[in-house]
């Protein structure tokens, strides 16, 4: 089995990060934008709306690419207003694509 933990000295390797985005992020194409941006970056994982009006996502891939996606999430699509992002290590990985999931 290959060790995919990032090397702290170089930042190499793959990681999984789970984020929850607060603000005006539903009804502004945030999920579709996230799918587009994650796919462009070659990331795997998923995004969904939550009933508490936040958006939740899991991004899996190379450290630098995942970090760039999280930074991009602070801006989001044109009509979004991101107030806060909660970030923690993702507990899921092994995805083959990036998908939009139903509301949870």
C-alpha atoms as a PDB file:
ATOM      1  CA  UNK A   1       0.000   0.000   0.000  1.00  0.00           C
ATOM      2  CA  UNK A   2       1.329   3.433  -0.943  1.00  0.00           C
ATOM      3  CA  UNK A   3       1.700   6.060   1.782  1.00  0.00           C
ATOM      4  CA  UNK A   4      -0.289   9.097   0.591  1.00  0.00           C
ATOM      5  CA  UNK A   5       0.257  11.260   3.659  1.00  0.00           C
ATOM      6  CA  UNK A   6       1.772  14.623   2.781  1.00  0.00           C
ATOM      7  CA  UNK A   7       5.461  15.127   3.441  1.00  0.00           C
ATOM      8  CA  UNK A   8       5.584  18.176   5.756  1.00  0.00           C
ATOM      9  CA  UNK A   9       8.944  19.241   4.338  1.00  0.00           C
ATOM     10  CA  UNK A  10       7.845  19.299   0.695  1.00  0.00           C
ATOM     11  CA  UNK A  11       4.045  19.387   0.793  1.00  0.00           C
ATOM     12  CA  UNK A  12       3.945  16.448  -1.622  1.00  0.00           C
ATOM     13  CA  UNK A  13       1.395  13.650  -1.480  1.00  0.00           C
ATOM     14  CA  UNK A  14      -2.394  13.488  -1.539  1.00  0.00           C
ATOM     15  CA  UNK A  15      -4.817  14.717   1.092  1.00  0.00           C
ATOM     16  CA  UNK A  16      -8.552  14.792   1.735  1.00  0.00           C
ATOM     17  CA  UNK A  17     -10.135  17.927   3.201  1.00  0.00           C
ATOM     18  CA  UNK A  18     -13.746  18.451   4.262  1.00  0.00           C
ATOM     19  CA  UNK A  19     -15.083  22.014   4.237  1.00  0.00           C
ATOM     20  CA  UNK A  20     -18.342  23.649   5.274  1.00  0.00           C
ATOM     21  CA  UNK A  21     -18.983  27.040   3.713  1.00  0.00           C
ATOM     22  CA  UNK A  22     -21.216  29.631   5.410  1.00  0.00           C
ATOM     23  CA  UNK A  23     -22.755  32.754   3.888  1.00  0.00           C
ATOM     24  CA  UNK A  24     -24.950  33.352   0.865  1.00  0.00           C
ATOM     25  CA  UNK A  25     -23.935  30.097  -0.797  1.00  0.00           C
ATOM     26  CA  UNK A  26     -27.232  28.485  -1.776  1.00  0.00           C
ATOM     27  CA  UNK A  27     -29.223  29.634  -4.796  1.00  0.00           C
ATOM     28  CA  UNK A  28     -26.130  31.281  -6.342  1.00  0.00           C
ATOM     29  CA  UNK A  29     -24.719  28.314  -8.333  1.00  0.00           C
ATOM     30  CA  UNK A  30     -22.116  27.557  -5.653  1.00  0.00           C
ATOM     31  CA  UNK A  31     -22.340  23.768  -6.076  1.00  0.00           C
ATOM     32  CA  UNK A  32     -22.095  23.885  -9.875  1.00  0.00           C
ATOM     33  CA  UNK A  33     -19.163  26.308  -9.604  1.00  0.00           C
ATOM     34  CA  UNK A  34     -17.468  23.948  -7.129  1.00  0.00           C
ATOM     35  CA  UNK A  35     -17.884  20.966  -9.452  1.00  0.00           C
ATOM     36  CA  UNK A  36     -16.441  23.005 -12.324  1.00  0.00           C
ATOM     37  CA  UNK A  37     -13.471  24.303 -10.321  1.00  0.00           C
ATOM     38  CA  UNK A  38     -12.644  20.955  -8.690  1.00  0.00           C
ATOM     39  CA  UNK A  39     -12.882  19.144 -12.035  1.00  0.00           C
ATOM     40  CA  UNK A  40     -10.585  21.709 -13.704  1.00  0.00           C
ATOM     41  CA  UNK A  41      -8.056  21.032 -10.947  1.00  0.00           C
ATOM     42  CA  UNK A  42      -8.327  17.252 -11.324  1.00  0.00           C
ATOM     43  CA  UNK A  43      -9.674  16.792  -7.791  1.00  0.00           C
ATOM     44  CA  UNK A  44     -12.056  14.067  -6.686  1.00  0.00           C
ATOM     45  CA  UNK A  45     -14.736  14.209  -4.000  1.00  0.00           C
ATOM     46  CA  UNK A  46     -18.176  15.762  -3.722  1.00  0.00           C
ATOM     47  CA  UNK A  47     -20.233  18.868  -2.877  1.00  0.00           C
ATOM     48  CA  UNK A  48     -23.770  19.246  -1.490  1.00  0.00           C
ATOM     49  CA  UNK A  49     -26.134  21.744   0.060  1.00  0.00           C
ATOM     50  CA  UNK A  50     -27.063  21.259   3.701  1.00  0.00           C
ATOM     51  CA  UNK A  51     -30.422  22.005   5.274  1.00  0.00           C
ATOM     52  CA  UNK A  52     -28.702  24.564   7.551  1.00  0.00           C
ATOM     53  CA  UNK A  53     -28.071  26.713   4.403  1.00  0.00           C
ATOM     54  CA  UNK A  54     -24.354  25.903   4.211  1.00  0.00           C
ATOM     55  CA  UNK A  55     -22.494  24.065   1.457  1.00  0.00           C
ATOM     56  CA  UNK A  56     -20.322  21.074   2.351  1.00  0.00           C
ATOM     57  CA  UNK A  57     -17.590  19.540   0.215  1.00  0.00           C
ATOM     58  CA  UNK A  58     -14.785  16.990   0.294  1.00  0.00           C
ATOM     59  CA  UNK A  59     -11.735  17.665  -1.881  1.00  0.00           C
ATOM     60  CA  UNK A  60      -9.169  14.907  -2.525  1.00  0.00           C
ATOM     61  CA  UNK A  61      -5.917  15.261  -4.405  1.00  0.00           C
ATOM     62  CA  UNK A  62      -2.416  16.708  -4.271  1.00  0.00           C
ATOM     63  CA  UNK A  63      -1.786  18.999  -1.291  1.00  0.00           C
ATOM     64  CA  UNK A  64      -1.149  22.184  -3.286  1.00  0.00           C
ATOM     65  CA  UNK A  65      -4.146  21.626  -5.547  1.00  0.00           C
ATOM     66  CA  UNK A  66      -6.534  20.963  -2.647  1.00  0.00           C
ATOM     67  CA  UNK A  67      -5.199  24.061  -0.885  1.00  0.00           C
ATOM     68  CA  UNK A  68      -5.796  26.162  -4.026  1.00  0.00           C
ATOM     69  CA  UNK A  69      -9.392  24.889  -4.161  1.00  0.00           C
ATOM     70  CA  UNK A  70     -10.017  25.832  -0.524  1.00  0.00           C
ATOM     71  CA  UNK A  71      -8.615  29.320  -1.216  1.00  0.00           C
ATOM     72  CA  UNK A  72     -10.916  29.624  -4.261  1.00  0.00           C
ATOM     73  CA  UNK A  73     -13.899  28.632  -2.089  1.00  0.00           C
ATOM     74  CA  UNK A  74     -13.396  31.809  -0.057  1.00  0.00           C
ATOM     75  CA  UNK A  75     -14.469  33.755  -3.167  1.00  0.00           C
ATOM     76  CA  UNK A  76     -16.892  31.334  -4.810  1.00  0.00           C
ATOM     77  CA  UNK A  77     -19.016  32.228  -7.833  1.00  0.00           C
ATOM     78  CA  UNK A  78     -20.024  35.762  -8.759  1.00  0.00           C
ATOM     79  CA  UNK A  79     -23.185  36.139  -6.634  1.00  0.00           C
ATOM     80  CA  UNK A  80     -21.977  34.217  -3.569  1.00  0.00           C
ATOM     81  CA  UNK A  81     -20.959  35.821  -0.290  1.00  0.00           C
ATOM     82  CA  UNK A  82     -18.697  33.609   1.786  1.00  0.00           C
ATOM     83  CA  UNK A  83     -18.656  34.547   5.461  1.00  0.00           C
ATOM     84  CA  UNK A  84     -16.702  31.631   6.872  1.00  0.00           C
ATOM     85  CA  UNK A  85     -15.169  28.283   5.922  1.00  0.00           C
ATOM     86  CA  UNK A  86     -14.708  25.456   8.409  1.00  0.00           C
ATOM     87  CA  UNK A  87     -11.949  23.098   7.308  1.00  0.00           C
ATOM     88  CA  UNK A  88     -10.909  19.735   8.716  1.00  0.00           C
ATOM     89  CA  UNK A  89      -9.138  16.614   7.481  1.00  0.00           C
ATOM     90  CA  UNK A  90     -11.424  14.542   5.288  1.00  0.00           C
ATOM     91  CA  UNK A  91     -12.281  11.043   6.409  1.00  0.00           C
ATOM     92  CA  UNK A  92     -13.198   9.897   2.903  1.00  0.00           C
ATOM     93  CA  UNK A  93     -11.069   9.266  -0.159  1.00  0.00           C
ATOM     94  CA  UNK A  94     -10.846   6.836  -3.060  1.00  0.00           C
ATOM     95  CA  UNK A  95     -13.252   8.781  -5.297  1.00  0.00           C
ATOM     96  CA  UNK A  96     -12.856   8.517  -9.059  1.00  0.00           C
ATOM     97  CA  UNK A  97     -14.508  11.847  -9.950  1.00  0.00           C
ATOM     98  CA  UNK A  98     -15.972  14.990  -8.405  1.00  0.00           C
ATOM     99  CA  UNK A  99     -19.758  14.905  -8.019  1.00  0.00           C
ATOM    100  CA  UNK A 100     -22.698  16.970  -6.859  1.00  0.00           C
ATOM    101  CA  UNK A 101     -24.688  15.147  -4.171  1.00  0.00           C
ATOM    102  CA  UNK A 102     -28.253  15.636  -2.901  1.00  0.00           C
ATOM    103  CA  UNK A 103     -28.971  17.969   0.014  1.00  0.00           C
ATOM    104  CA  UNK A 104     -28.227  16.482   3.429  1.00  0.00           C
END
